[in-house]
Amino acid sequence: MFDLANWGRVLTSIIVVSGFITITLLYMTQKLNGNAVPEILSILLGALASNFTSVVQYWIGSSSGSSTKDNTIQNLAAK
């Protein structure tokens, strides 16, 4: 569940995902119009693709489970 303590992670994830989608759409639009794709778009697409993968792995993968475990341990210790 969304915790206010995680707002930084959520905000960063939103920025990375929206940036990835935006750059991908720009890249595809340039290609479909038959224009040369600026090199900076290729670089940004590669960087954002790797960060997009990290975001997905965090929220769906083992980091999410690890975060849940840490919260459970913290709640148990507080009791």
PDB file of N, CA and C in Angstrom:
ATOM      1  N   MET A   1       0.839  -1.186   0.000  1.00  0.00           N
ATOM      2  CA  MET A   1       0.000   0.000   0.000  1.00  0.00           C
ATOM      3  C   MET A   1       0.879   1.243   0.000  1.00  0.00           C
ATOM      4  N   PHE A   2       0.350   2.326  -0.499  1.00  0.00           N
ATOM      5  CA  PHE A   2       1.113   3.572  -0.582  1.00  0.00           C
ATOM      6  C   PHE A   2       1.289   4.178   0.797  1.00  0.00           C
ATOM      7  N   ASP A   3       2.516   4.461   1.144  1.00  0.00           N
ATOM      8  CA  ASP A   3       2.854   5.057   2.428  1.00  0.00           C
ATOM      9  C   ASP A   3       3.428   6.442   2.161  1.00  0.00           C
ATOM     10  N   LEU A   4       3.047   7.420   2.958  1.00  0.00           N
ATOM     11  CA  LEU A   4       3.535   8.789   2.742  1.00  0.00           C
ATOM     12  C   LEU A   4       5.053   8.892   2.866  1.00  0.00           C
ATOM     13  N   ALA A   5       5.656   7.952   3.579  1.00  0.00           N
ATOM     14  CA  ALA A   5       7.113   7.952   3.704  1.00  0.00           C
ATOM     15  C   ALA A   5       7.791   7.604   2.388  1.00  0.00           C
ATOM     16  N   ASN A   6       7.055   7.001   1.466  1.00  0.00           N
ATOM     17  CA  ASN A   6       7.608   6.584   0.172  1.00  0.00           C
ATOM     18  C   ASN A   6       7.348   7.591  -0.940  1.00  0.00           C
ATOM     19  N   TRP A   7       6.940   8.817  -0.620  1.00  0.00           N
ATOM     20  CA  TRP A   7       6.564   9.767  -1.667  1.00  0.00           C
ATOM     21  C   TRP A   7       7.720  10.068  -2.612  1.00  0.00           C
ATOM     22  N   GLY A   8       8.947  10.065  -2.119  1.00  0.00           N
ATOM     23  CA  GLY A   8      10.116  10.308  -2.978  1.00  0.00           C
ATOM     24  C   GLY A   8      10.293   9.210  -4.009  1.00  0.00           C
ATOM     25  N   ARG A   9      10.095   7.980  -3.586  1.00  0.00           N
ATOM     26  CA  ARG A   9      10.198   6.838  -4.501  1.00  0.00           C
ATOM     27  C   ARG A   9       9.100   6.889  -5.549  1.00  0.00           C
ATOM     28  N   VAL A  10       7.902   7.236  -5.103  1.00  0.00           N
ATOM     29  CA  VAL A  10       6.774   7.313  -6.026  1.00  0.00           C
ATOM     30  C   VAL A  10       7.000   8.430  -7.039  1.00  0.00           C
ATOM     31  N   LEU A  11       7.421   9.588  -6.573  1.00  0.00           N
ATOM     32  CA  LEU A  11       7.661  10.728  -7.464  1.00  0.00           C
ATOM     33  C   LEU A  11       8.761  10.418  -8.471  1.00  0.00           C
ATOM     34  N   THR A  12       9.843   9.818  -8.015  1.00  0.00           N
ATOM     35  CA  THR A  12      10.932   9.440  -8.914  1.00  0.00           C
ATOM     36  C   THR A  12      10.454   8.434  -9.949  1.00  0.00           C
ATOM     37  N   SER A  13       9.654   7.476  -9.521  1.00  0.00           N
ATOM     38  CA  SER A  13       9.113   6.475 -10.438  1.00  0.00           C
ATOM     39  C   SER A  13       8.228   7.124 -11.497  1.00  0.00           C
ATOM     40  N   ILE A  14       7.389   8.064 -11.081  1.00  0.00           N
ATOM     41  CA  ILE A  14       6.514   8.760 -12.022  1.00  0.00           C
ATOM     42  C   ILE A  14       7.331   9.540 -13.042  1.00  0.00           C
ATOM     43  N   ILE A  15       8.378  10.210 -12.597  1.00  0.00           N
ATOM     44  CA  ILE A  15       9.228  10.987 -13.511  1.00  0.00           C
ATOM     45  C   ILE A  15       9.920  10.073 -14.517  1.00  0.00           C
ATOM     46  N   VAL A  16      10.473   8.965 -14.049  1.00  0.00           N
ATOM     47  CA  VAL A  16      11.183   8.039 -14.942  1.00  0.00           C
ATOM     48  C   VAL A  16      10.226   7.421 -15.962  1.00  0.00           C
ATOM     49  N   VAL A  17       9.067   6.966 -15.504  1.00  0.00           N
ATOM     50  CA  VAL A  17       8.117   6.315 -16.407  1.00  0.00           C
ATOM     51  C   VAL A  17       7.566   7.314 -17.425  1.00  0.00           C
ATOM     52  N   SER A  18       7.185   8.501 -16.972  1.00  0.00           N
ATOM     53  CA  SER A  18       6.653   9.489 -17.918  1.00  0.00           C
ATOM     54  C   SER A  18       7.736   9.966 -18.881  1.00  0.00           C
ATOM     55  N   GLY A  19       8.964  10.112 -18.408  1.00  0.00           N
ATOM     56  CA  GLY A  19      10.070  10.478 -19.295  1.00  0.00           C
ATOM     57  C   GLY A  19      10.331   9.407 -20.332  1.00  0.00           C
ATOM     58  N   PHE A  20      10.296   8.155 -19.907  1.00  0.00           N
ATOM     59  CA  PHE A  20      10.505   7.041 -20.835  1.00  0.00           C
ATOM     60  C   PHE A  20       9.436   7.021 -21.925  1.00  0.00           C
ATOM     61  N   ILE A  21       8.188   7.184 -21.519  1.00  0.00           N
ATOM     62  CA  ILE A  21       7.094   7.182 -22.493  1.00  0.00           C
ATOM     63  C   ILE A  21       7.216   8.371 -23.445  1.00  0.00           C
ATOM     64  N   THR A  22       7.523   9.542 -22.921  1.00  0.00           N
ATOM     65  CA  THR A  22       7.654  10.743 -23.751  1.00  0.00           C
ATOM     66  C   THR A  22       8.773  10.606 -24.770  1.00  0.00           C
ATOM     67  N   ILE A  23       9.946  10.179 -24.328  1.00  0.00           N
ATOM     68  CA  ILE A  23      11.091  10.049 -25.231  1.00  0.00           C
ATOM     69  C   ILE A  23      10.833   8.939 -26.255  1.00  0.00           C
ATOM     70  N   THR A  24      10.189   7.857 -25.830  1.00  0.00           N
ATOM     71  CA  THR A  24       9.861   6.783 -26.769  1.00  0.00           C
ATOM     72  C   THR A  24       8.914   7.284 -27.853  1.00  0.00           C
ATOM     73  N   LEU A  25       7.899   8.045 -27.460  1.00  0.00           N
ATOM     74  CA  LEU A  25       6.964   8.596 -28.440  1.00  0.00           C
ATOM     75  C   LEU A  25       7.650   9.574 -29.389  1.00  0.00           C
ATOM     76  N   LEU A  26       8.521  10.425 -28.868  1.00  0.00           N
ATOM     77  CA  LEU A  26       9.285  11.345 -29.726  1.00  0.00           C
ATOM     78  C   LEU A  26      10.157  10.573 -30.711  1.00  0.00           C
ATOM     79  N   TYR A  27      10.819   9.553 -30.207  1.00  0.00           N
ATOM     80  CA  TYR A  27      11.691   8.731 -31.039  1.00  0.00           C
ATOM     81  C   TYR A  27      10.906   8.063 -32.158  1.00  0.00           C
ATOM     82  N   MET A  28       9.774   7.458 -31.796  1.00  0.00           N
ATOM     83  CA  MET A  28       8.955   6.763 -32.786  1.00  0.00           C
ATOM     84  C   MET A  28       8.362   7.737 -33.802  1.00  0.00           C
ATOM     85  N   THR A  29       7.953   8.916 -33.349  1.00  0.00           N
ATOM     86  CA  THR A  29       7.394   9.921 -34.256  1.00  0.00           C
ATOM     87  C   THR A  29       8.425  10.359 -35.281  1.00  0.00           C
ATOM     88  N   GLN A  30       9.654  10.581 -34.830  1.00  0.00           N
ATOM     89  CA  GLN A  30      10.731  10.970 -35.744  1.00  0.00           C
ATOM     90  C   GLN A  30      10.986   9.875 -36.771  1.00  0.00           C
ATOM     91  N   LYS A  31      11.026   8.624 -36.307  1.00  0.00           N
ATOM     92  CA  LYS A  31      11.276   7.492 -37.204  1.00  0.00           C
ATOM     93  C   LYS A  31      10.150   7.324 -38.218  1.00  0.00           C
ATOM     94  N   LEU A  32       8.907   7.414 -37.755  1.00  0.00           N
ATOM     95  CA  LEU A  32       7.760   7.209 -38.638  1.00  0.00           C
ATOM     96  C   LEU A  32       7.619   8.317 -39.683  1.00  0.00           C
ATOM     97  N   ASN A  33       8.070   9.513 -39.328  1.00  0.00           N
ATOM     98  CA  ASN A  33       8.026  10.626 -40.281  1.00  0.00           C
ATOM     99  C   ASN A  33       9.182  10.585 -41.272  1.00  0.00           C
ATOM    100  N   GLY A  34      10.073   9.624 -41.111  1.00  0.00           N
ATOM    101  CA  GLY A  34      11.209   9.489 -42.013  1.00  0.00           C
ATOM    102  C   GLY A  34      12.342  10.447 -41.718  1.00  0.00           C
ATOM    103  N   ASN A  35      12.279  11.108 -40.576  1.00  0.00           N
ATOM    104  CA  ASN A  35      13.338  12.051 -40.191  1.00  0.00           C
ATOM    105  C   ASN A  35      14.470  11.311 -39.475  1.00  0.00           C
ATOM    106  N   ALA A  36      15.633  11.920 -39.520  1.00  0.00           N
ATOM    107  CA  ALA A  36      16.754  11.374 -38.762  1.00  0.00           C
ATOM    108  C   ALA A  36      16.497  11.629 -37.275  1.00  0.00           C
ATOM    109  N   VAL A  37      16.741  10.638 -36.475  1.00  0.00           N
ATOM    110  CA  VAL A  37      16.536  10.776 -35.038  1.00  0.00           C
ATOM    111  C   VAL A  37      17.768  11.434 -34.431  1.00  0.00           C
ATOM    112  N   PRO A  38      17.580  12.539 -33.705  1.00  0.00           N
ATOM    113  CA  PRO A  38      18.736  13.167 -33.056  1.00  0.00           C
ATOM    114  C   PRO A  38      19.426  12.183 -32.106  1.00  0.00           C
ATOM    115  N   GLU A  39      20.731  12.257 -32.090  1.00  0.00           N
ATOM    116  CA  GLU A  39      21.518  11.326 -31.268  1.00  0.00           C
ATOM    117  C   GLU A  39      21.148  11.421 -29.797  1.00  0.00           C
ATOM    118  N   ILE A  40      20.809  12.626 -29.340  1.00  0.00           N
ATOM    119  CA  ILE A  40      20.471  12.799 -27.925  1.00  0.00           C
ATOM    120  C   ILE A  40      19.221  11.999 -27.557  1.00  0.00           C
ATOM    121  N   LEU A  41      18.278  11.862 -28.500  1.00  0.00           N
ATOM    122  CA  LEU A  41      17.090  11.048 -28.218  1.00  0.00           C
ATOM    123  C   LEU A  41      17.455   9.579 -28.049  1.00  0.00           C
ATOM    124  N   SER A  42      18.395   9.110 -28.839  1.00  0.00           N
ATOM    125  CA  SER A  42      18.838   7.721 -28.708  1.00  0.00           C
ATOM    126  C   SER A  42      19.513   7.493 -27.360  1.00  0.00           C
ATOM    127  N   ILE A  43      20.331   8.445 -26.943  1.00  0.00           N
ATOM    128  CA  ILE A  43      21.022   8.334 -25.652  1.00  0.00           C
ATOM    129  C   ILE A  43      20.009   8.374 -24.504  1.00  0.00           C
ATOM    130  N   LEU A  44      19.073   9.335 -24.574  1.00  0.00           N
ATOM    131  CA  LEU A  44      18.059   9.441 -23.527  1.00  0.00           C
ATOM    132  C   LEU A  44      17.182   8.198 -23.461  1.00  0.00           C
ATOM    133  N   LEU A  45      16.831   7.665 -24.620  1.00  0.00           N
ATOM    134  CA  LEU A  45      16.000   6.463 -24.653  1.00  0.00           C
ATOM    135  C   LEU A  45      16.716   5.295 -23.979  1.00  0.00           C
ATOM    136  N   GLY A  46      17.990   5.133 -24.259  1.00  0.00           N
ATOM    137  CA  GLY A  46      18.759   4.055 -23.626  1.00  0.00           C
ATOM    138  C   GLY A  46      18.862   4.222 -22.119  1.00  0.00           C
ATOM    139  N   ALA A  47      19.144   5.445 -21.676  1.00  0.00           N
ATOM    140  CA  ALA A  47      19.269   5.699 -20.239  1.00  0.00           C
ATOM    141  C   ALA A  47      17.931   5.504 -19.528  1.00  0.00           C
ATOM    142  N   LEU A  48      16.884   6.037 -20.117  1.00  0.00           N
ATOM    143  CA  LEU A  48      15.568   5.901 -19.492  1.00  0.00           C
ATOM    144  C   LEU A  48      15.063   4.465 -19.524  1.00  0.00           C
ATOM    145  N   ALA A  49      15.428   3.706 -20.553  1.00  0.00           N
ATOM    146  CA  ALA A  49      15.010   2.305 -20.623  1.00  0.00           C
ATOM    147  C   ALA A  49      15.615   1.506 -19.472  1.00  0.00           C
ATOM    148  N   SER A  50      16.874   1.750 -19.171  1.00  0.00           N
ATOM    149  CA  SER A  50      17.491   1.015 -18.061  1.00  0.00           C
ATOM    150  C   SER A  50      16.899   1.457 -16.721  1.00  0.00           C
ATOM    151  N   ASN A  51      16.607   2.740 -16.579  1.00  0.00           N
ATOM    152  CA  ASN A  51      15.987   3.208 -15.339  1.00  0.00           C
ATOM    153  C   ASN A  51      14.535   2.749 -15.234  1.00  0.00           C
ATOM    154  N   PHE A  52      13.846   2.654 -16.354  1.00  0.00           N
ATOM    155  CA  PHE A  52      12.479   2.140 -16.367  1.00  0.00           C
ATOM    156  C   PHE A  52      12.471   0.697 -15.868  1.00  0.00           C
ATOM    157  N   THR A  53      13.439  -0.078 -16.313  1.00  0.00           N
ATOM    158  CA  THR A  53      13.563  -1.457 -15.858  1.00  0.00           C
ATOM    159  C   THR A  53      13.770  -1.505 -14.350  1.00  0.00           C
ATOM    160  N   SER A  54      14.599  -0.610 -13.834  1.00  0.00           N
ATOM    161  CA  SER A  54      14.841  -0.569 -12.387  1.00  0.00           C
ATOM    162  C   SER A  54      13.573  -0.216 -11.619  1.00  0.00           C
ATOM    163  N   VAL A  55      12.789   0.714 -12.152  1.00  0.00           N
ATOM    164  CA  VAL A  55      11.543   1.100 -11.495  1.00  0.00           C
ATOM    165  C   VAL A  55      10.582  -0.085 -11.443  1.00  0.00           C
ATOM    166  N   VAL A  56      10.435  -0.780 -12.553  1.00  0.00           N
ATOM    167  CA  VAL A  56       9.538  -1.936 -12.597  1.00  0.00           C
ATOM    168  C   VAL A  56      10.030  -3.013 -11.632  1.00  0.00           C
ATOM    169  N   GLN A  57      11.323  -3.265 -11.611  1.00  0.00           N
ATOM    170  CA  GLN A  57      11.859  -4.274 -10.700  1.00  0.00           C
ATOM    171  C   GLN A  57      11.643  -3.879  -9.246  1.00  0.00           C
ATOM    172  N   TYR A  58      11.736  -2.586  -8.948  1.00  0.00           N
ATOM    173  CA  TYR A  58      11.527  -2.153  -7.565  1.00  0.00           C
ATOM    174  C   TYR A  58      10.091  -2.408  -7.121  1.00  0.00           C
ATOM    175  N   TRP A  59       9.134  -1.960  -7.928  1.00  0.00           N
ATOM    176  CA  TRP A  59       7.736  -2.033  -7.516  1.00  0.00           C
ATOM    177  C   TRP A  59       7.142  -3.427  -7.643  1.00  0.00           C
ATOM    178  N   ILE A  60       7.668  -4.244  -8.529  1.00  0.00           N
ATOM    179  CA  ILE A  60       7.101  -5.573  -8.734  1.00  0.00           C
ATOM    180  C   ILE A  60       8.022  -6.676  -8.201  1.00  0.00           C
ATOM    181  N   GLY A  61       9.314  -6.415  -8.210  1.00  0.00           N
ATOM    182  CA  GLY A  61      10.288  -7.443  -7.874  1.00  0.00           C
ATOM    183  C   GLY A  61      10.603  -7.574  -6.402  1.00  0.00           C
ATOM    184  N   SER A  62      11.801  -8.052  -6.140  1.00  0.00           N
ATOM    185  CA  SER A  62      12.205  -8.390  -4.780  1.00  0.00           C
ATOM    186  C   SER A  62      12.377  -7.167  -3.888  1.00  0.00           C
ATOM    187  N   SER A  63      12.656  -5.995  -4.450  1.00  0.00           N
ATOM    188  CA  SER A  63      12.801  -4.810  -3.616  1.00  0.00           C
ATOM    189  C   SER A  63      11.494  -4.453  -2.930  1.00  0.00           C
ATOM    190  N   SER A  64      10.390  -4.678  -3.613  1.00  0.00           N
ATOM    191  CA  SER A  64       9.080  -4.431  -3.018  1.00  0.00           C
ATOM    192  C   SER A  64       8.855  -5.369  -1.838  1.00  0.00           C
ATOM    193  N   GLY A  65       9.197  -6.634  -2.011  1.00  0.00           N
ATOM    194  CA  GLY A  65       9.069  -7.599  -0.923  1.00  0.00           C
ATOM    195  C   GLY A  65       9.999  -7.271   0.229  1.00  0.00           C
ATOM    196  N   SER A  66      11.192  -6.831  -0.090  1.00  0.00           N
ATOM    197  CA  SER A  66      12.154  -6.453   0.936  1.00  0.00           C
ATOM    198  C   SER A  66      11.663  -5.244   1.722  1.00  0.00           C
ATOM    199  N   SER A  67      11.074  -4.281   1.016  1.00  0.00           N
ATOM    200  CA  SER A  67      10.538  -3.094   1.670  1.00  0.00           C
ATOM    201  C   SER A  67       9.381  -3.462   2.598  1.00  0.00           C
ATOM    202  N   THR A  68       8.531  -4.373   2.146  1.00  0.00           N
ATOM    203  CA  THR A  68       7.411  -4.842   2.968  1.00  0.00           C
ATOM    204  C   THR A  68       7.930  -5.549   4.211  1.00  0.00           C
ATOM    205  N   LYS A  69       8.963  -6.368   4.040  1.00  0.00           N
ATOM    206  CA  LYS A  69       9.567  -7.080   5.175  1.00  0.00           C
ATOM    207  C   LYS A  69      10.133  -6.090   6.177  1.00  0.00           C
ATOM    208  N   ASP A  70      10.840  -5.062   5.688  1.00  0.00           N
ATOM    209  CA  ASP A  70      11.420  -4.051   6.578  1.00  0.00           C
ATOM    210  C   ASP A  70      10.337  -3.319   7.365  1.00  0.00           C
ATOM    211  N   ASN A  71       9.229  -2.998   6.694  1.00  0.00           N
ATOM    212  CA  ASN A  71       8.127  -2.323   7.381  1.00  0.00           C
ATOM    213  C   ASN A  71       7.505  -3.220   8.442  1.00  0.00           C
ATOM    214  N   THR A  72       7.370  -4.509   8.145  1.00  0.00           N
ATOM    215  CA  THR A  72       6.813  -5.460   9.107  1.00  0.00           C
ATOM    216  C   THR A  72       7.707  -5.574  10.333  1.00  0.00           C
ATOM    217  N   ILE A  73       9.007  -5.672  10.101  1.00  0.00           N
ATOM    218  CA  ILE A  73       9.957  -5.765  11.220  1.00  0.00           C
ATOM    219  C   ILE A  73       9.919  -4.492  12.065  1.00  0.00           C
ATOM    220  N   GLN A  74       9.830  -3.350  11.406  1.00  0.00           N
ATOM    221  CA  GLN A  74       9.765  -2.080  12.130  1.00  0.00           C
ATOM    222  C   GLN A  74       8.497  -1.988  12.960  1.00  0.00           C
ATOM    223  N   ASN A  75       7.373  -2.430  12.410  1.00  0.00           N
ATOM    224  CA  ASN A  75       6.110  -2.417  13.158  1.00  0.00           C
ATOM    225  C   ASN A  75       6.151  -3.362  14.347  1.00  0.00           C
ATOM    226  N   LEU A  76       6.761  -4.542  14.170  1.00  0.00           N
ATOM    227  CA  LEU A  76       6.884  -5.494  15.265  1.00  0.00           C
ATOM    228  C   LEU A  76       7.801  -4.970  16.370  1.00  0.00           C
ATOM    229  N   ALA A  77       8.863  -4.299  15.964  1.00  0.00           N
ATOM    230  CA  ALA A  77       9.803  -3.757  16.944  1.00  0.00           C
ATOM    231  C   ALA A  77       9.180  -2.600  17.731  1.00  0.00           C
ATOM    232  N   ALA A  78       8.269  -1.883  17.107  1.00  0.00           N
ATOM    233  CA  ALA A  78       7.639  -0.738  17.777  1.00  0.00           C
ATOM    234  C   ALA A  78       6.635  -1.191  18.842  1.00  0.00           C
ATOM    235  N   LYS A  79       6.144  -2.438  18.738  1.00  0.00           N
ATOM    236  CA  LYS A  79       5.137  -2.936  19.693  1.00  0.00           C
ATOM    237  C   LYS A  79       5.733  -3.313  20.995  1.00  0.00           C
TER     238      LYS A  79
END
